[in-house]
Amino acid sequence: MAVRVITDSSACLPDEVADELDITVIDLHMMQNGEERTTSGLSSLELAAAYARQLERGGDAGVLALHLSKDLSSTWSAAVTAAAVFAEGAVRVVDTGSLGMAVGAAAMAAAKLAKGGASLEECYDIAVDTLKRSETWIYLHRIDELRRSGRISTATAMVSTALANRPIMRVHEGRMEIAAKTRTQSKAFAKLVELAQIRAEDAPVFVAIAQNEAREAAKALEELLTDSLPEGSSFMMVDVDPTLAVHSGPGAIAVSCVFSAEDGI
């Protein structure tokens, strides 16, 4: 029996990747409130049921759960509550401090180890290490949806609205902050490339680009990153999960990078 890896749909993992690596993906909730769409996290009852099913499949190997940042959703706290239902250590919940394909990449790394017979502790360690080596930047075509969602402070929203037509946000310590202020898409893309280059130095990078109604622009950004990042870098194009799209708005593009460790691994 192998360790079971669970994440939620905010990780933006394509179905074929989740199927190949045997990762369980639980959909976050999206509701229609009149003309507005809203989202909600997963409940502890839902997660406890999901963990129980996977513990049955994995036996004594255990479950590794990776969910979006606790500062952005109630799902993490619900996961901790759900994990407490089971024997101590049976379910490990990772405090990811991130979202999107940074979490997806950590789930992928853990699932690959699990397939090779790694222990729950080893899977947990590789997930945490992957997250520590990751960065996520989000290009917003507009900030209206993010401001309405409350995922950024009023002060941050006001500064962004006043100074930047095309802001680049960064997920830092689980929260959203302004990483750069740009006024055009081309300047925003150039800045994203610069940020990735500086962090990469001379080592290969794994890059996941998630787009929301911006496929052509995302392809153009991928070409820029491919030309600029070190040889051996790998790329993945995914769609932004609908629950994240509600908050990012159309035209948004997230760039999640996992950088090489200092020892090159």
Foldseek 3Di string as FASTA:
>chain_A
DFEAEEEECQQQDDPVLCVVLVHHYHYWDWDCDPPAIATAGDALVVLLVVQVVVCVVVPQQAYEYEYAAVLQHVHQVSNVVSVVVDDPPRYHYDNLLHTYNLQVVLSSQLSVVRVVPDGPVVSNVSSNLQSVQKWKKKKFQAQVLQVVNCLDDPVQNVCQVVFANIFIWIRDSNGIHTPDGYHDLVVVLVVVLVVVCVSQPAAAKEKEKEAAQAVVSSVVSVVVNVVRHHPPHHYHYGYRPPNVCSRRDHPMMMIMMRYADPVRD
